[in-house]
Amino acid sequence: MRILRKLSQKVDESGLTQLQQALHNVNTAGQQSQSVFSFLGSTFKEAFSAYSLANVMQDMLYKIADGAREAVGTVKELNDSITSLEMATGENYNTVKQMMSQYNEMGQELGSITTDIAEGADSWLRQGKSVQETNQLLKDSMVLSKVF
């Protein structure tokens, strides 16, 4: 026991305290580094998310603009068809508009678009066919075009 007392009196505990303090400092520095990297990681994640959102919104705006251009083009084509049919038949706008409505229904039945049927009608009418003859010729030619 005497030896233990002598040894315990001779052990310098200041080195152990310094070691514990150094380990504590290393742990603190590690936690701060982890905190900094977590912050940077979430900052990059937020920046990437914001960029992705902006990119998606830009794509949506382009698609809306493309859809608007396409809609304007379709309206122009329909208006051109109405004008051609007015000249071919000599009828007024309201009468030709009703014809276009019939051509739209016919196109849906036969799997064709309204402007294609209106162009066909314009051709038949300019050859002197009546509206009834033209409608029958349109149906027949559309059916035949789908068969062959």
Protein backbone atom coordinates (compact mmCIF):
# COMPACT_ATOMS: atom_id res chain seq x y z
CA MET A 1 0.00 0.00 0.00
CA ARG A 2 2.84 2.25 0.68
CA ILE A 3 3.96 1.81 -2.88
CA LEU A 4 0.53 2.77 -4.19
CA ARG A 5 0.52 5.90 -2.10
CA LYS A 6 3.96 6.81 -3.34
CA LEU A 7 2.95 6.13 -6.95
CA SER A 8 -0.27 8.04 -6.69
CA GLN A 9 1.60 10.96 -5.26
CA LYS A 10 4.14 10.87 -8.11
CA VAL A 11 1.59 10.57 -10.99
CA ASP A 12 1.22 13.91 -12.68
CA GLU A 13 -2.46 14.29 -13.56
CA SER A 14 -1.98 17.54 -15.46
CA GLY A 15 -0.97 15.60 -18.61
CA LEU A 16 -4.18 13.57 -18.40
CA THR A 17 -6.19 16.75 -18.01
CA GLN A 18 -4.43 18.25 -21.01
CA LEU A 19 -5.16 15.10 -23.02
CA GLN A 20 -8.81 15.23 -22.02
CA GLN A 21 -8.94 18.92 -22.98
CA ALA A 22 -7.31 18.18 -26.35
CA LEU A 23 -9.83 15.38 -27.05
CA HIS A 24 -12.65 17.68 -26.06
CA ASN A 25 -11.31 20.35 -28.47
CA VAL A 26 -11.04 17.78 -31.27
CA ASN A 27 -14.63 16.64 -30.67
CA THR A 28 -15.86 20.24 -30.65
CA ALA A 29 -13.99 21.01 -33.87
CA GLY A 30 -15.44 17.86 -35.45
CA GLN A 31 -18.96 18.86 -34.46
CA GLN A 32 -18.44 22.35 -35.88
CA SER A 33 -17.05 20.90 -39.12
CA GLN A 34 -19.99 18.55 -39.38
CA SER A 35 -22.31 21.49 -38.77
CA VAL A 36 -20.58 23.53 -41.51
CA PHE A 37 -20.78 20.62 -43.98
CA SER A 38 -24.43 20.02 -43.10
CA PHE A 39 -25.12 23.70 -43.69
CA LEU A 40 -23.25 23.67 -47.02
CA GLY A 41 -25.00 20.47 -48.04
CA SER A 42 -28.43 21.87 -47.32
CA THR A 43 -27.49 25.13 -49.03
CA PHE A 44 -26.45 23.24 -52.17
CA LYS A 45 -29.59 21.12 -51.94
CA GLU A 46 -31.77 24.23 -51.64
CA ALA A 47 -29.94 25.92 -54.53
CA PHE A 48 -30.36 22.83 -56.72
CA SER A 49 -34.04 22.58 -55.78
CA ALA A 50 -34.57 26.25 -56.62
CA TYR A 51 -32.76 25.79 -59.95
CA SER A 52 -34.82 22.69 -60.74
CA LEU A 53 -38.05 24.51 -59.91
CA ALA A 54 -37.03 27.45 -62.10
CA ASN A 55 -36.16 25.06 -64.93
CA VAL A 56 -39.53 23.29 -64.64
CA MET A 57 -41.35 26.63 -64.62
CA GLN A 58 -39.41 27.76 -67.69
CA ASP A 59 -40.36 24.55 -69.50
CA MET A 60 -44.00 25.09 -68.55
CA LEU A 61 -43.93 28.63 -69.91
CA TYR A 62 -42.43 27.42 -73.19
CA LYS A 63 -45.10 24.74 -73.49
CA ILE A 64 -47.84 27.29 -72.81
CA ALA A 65 -46.37 29.61 -75.44
CA ASP A 66 -46.12 26.73 -77.93
CA GLY A 67 -49.72 25.77 -77.20
CA ALA A 68 -50.84 29.36 -77.73
CA ARG A 69 -48.98 29.56 -81.05
CA GLU A 70 -50.54 26.29 -82.15
CA ALA A 71 -54.01 27.50 -81.14
CA VAL A 72 -53.56 30.72 -83.10
CA GLY A 73 -52.40 28.71 -86.12
CA THR A 74 -55.45 26.43 -85.88
CA VAL A 75 -57.83 29.39 -85.63
CA LYS A 76 -56.17 30.94 -88.68
CA GLU A 77 -56.53 27.69 -90.65
CA LEU A 78 -60.21 27.41 -89.70
CA ASN A 79 -60.80 31.05 -90.61
CA ASP A 80 -59.08 30.52 -93.99
CA SER A 81 -61.29 27.47 -94.60
CA ILE A 82 -64.42 29.47 -93.75
CA THR A 83 -63.35 32.25 -96.12
CA SER A 84 -62.68 29.78 -98.95
CA LEU A 85 -66.06 28.10 -98.43
CA GLU A 86 -67.82 31.49 -98.36
CA MET A 87 -66.28 32.28 -101.75
CA ALA A 88 -67.02 28.82 -103.18
CA THR A 89 -70.67 28.75 -102.06
CA GLY A 90 -71.56 32.44 -102.07
CA GLU A 91 -73.17 31.87 -98.67
CA ASN A 92 -72.87 34.12 -95.62
CA TYR A 93 -70.64 33.56 -92.60
CA ASN A 94 -73.35 31.97 -90.40
CA THR A 95 -74.31 29.41 -93.05
CA VAL A 96 -70.68 28.47 -93.68
CA LYS A 97 -70.08 28.29 -89.93
CA GLN A 98 -72.89 25.70 -89.70
CA MET A 99 -71.27 23.79 -92.56
CA MET A 100 -67.96 23.82 -90.68
CA SER A 101 -69.73 22.44 -87.63
CA GLN A 102 -71.06 19.57 -89.78
CA TYR A 103 -67.57 19.02 -91.20
CA ASN A 104 -66.18 18.88 -87.68
CA GLU A 105 -68.71 16.16 -86.75
CA MET A 106 -67.93 14.31 -89.97
CA GLY A 107 -64.21 14.54 -89.24
CA GLN A 108 -64.72 13.07 -85.78
CA GLU A 109 -66.76 10.20 -87.23
CA LEU A 110 -64.26 9.47 -89.99
CA GLY A 111 -61.05 10.13 -88.07
CA SER A 112 -60.02 13.21 -89.99
CA ILE A 113 -59.48 16.85 -89.11
CA THR A 114 -61.98 19.58 -89.85
CA THR A 115 -59.70 21.61 -92.10
CA ASP A 116 -58.99 18.59 -94.33
CA ILE A 117 -62.70 17.98 -94.81
CA ALA A 118 -63.29 21.70 -95.43
CA GLU A 119 -60.55 21.71 -98.09
CA GLY A 120 -62.18 18.72 -99.76
CA ALA A 121 -65.55 20.44 -99.63
CA ASP A 122 -64.06 23.58 -101.14
CA SER A 123 -62.68 21.53 -104.05
CA TRP A 124 -65.97 19.74 -104.72
CA LEU A 125 -68.01 22.94 -104.42
CA ARG A 126 -65.71 24.80 -106.84
CA GLN A 127 -66.34 22.00 -109.35
CA GLY A 128 -70.01 22.89 -109.27
CA LYS A 129 -71.30 20.19 -106.93
CA SER A 130 -74.18 20.97 -104.57
CA VAL A 131 -73.72 20.97 -100.80
CA GLN A 132 -75.59 17.63 -100.52
CA GLU A 133 -73.49 16.04 -103.29
CA THR A 134 -70.34 17.48 -101.72
CA ASN A 135 -71.15 16.03 -98.30
CA GLN A 136 -71.75 12.56 -99.81
CA LEU A 137 -68.58 12.78 -101.91
CA LEU A 138 -66.62 13.85 -98.81
CA LYS A 139 -67.87 10.87 -96.79
CA ASP A 140 -67.14 8.46 -99.61
CA SER A 141 -63.67 9.83 -100.33
CA MET A 142 -62.71 9.91 -96.63
CA VAL A 143 -63.84 6.31 -96.15
CA LEU A 144 -61.92 5.24 -99.23
CA SER A 145 -58.81 7.12 -98.12
CA LYS A 146 -58.88 5.27 -94.79
CA VAL A 147 -59.35 1.89 -96.48
CA PHE A 148 -56.46 2.30 -98.92
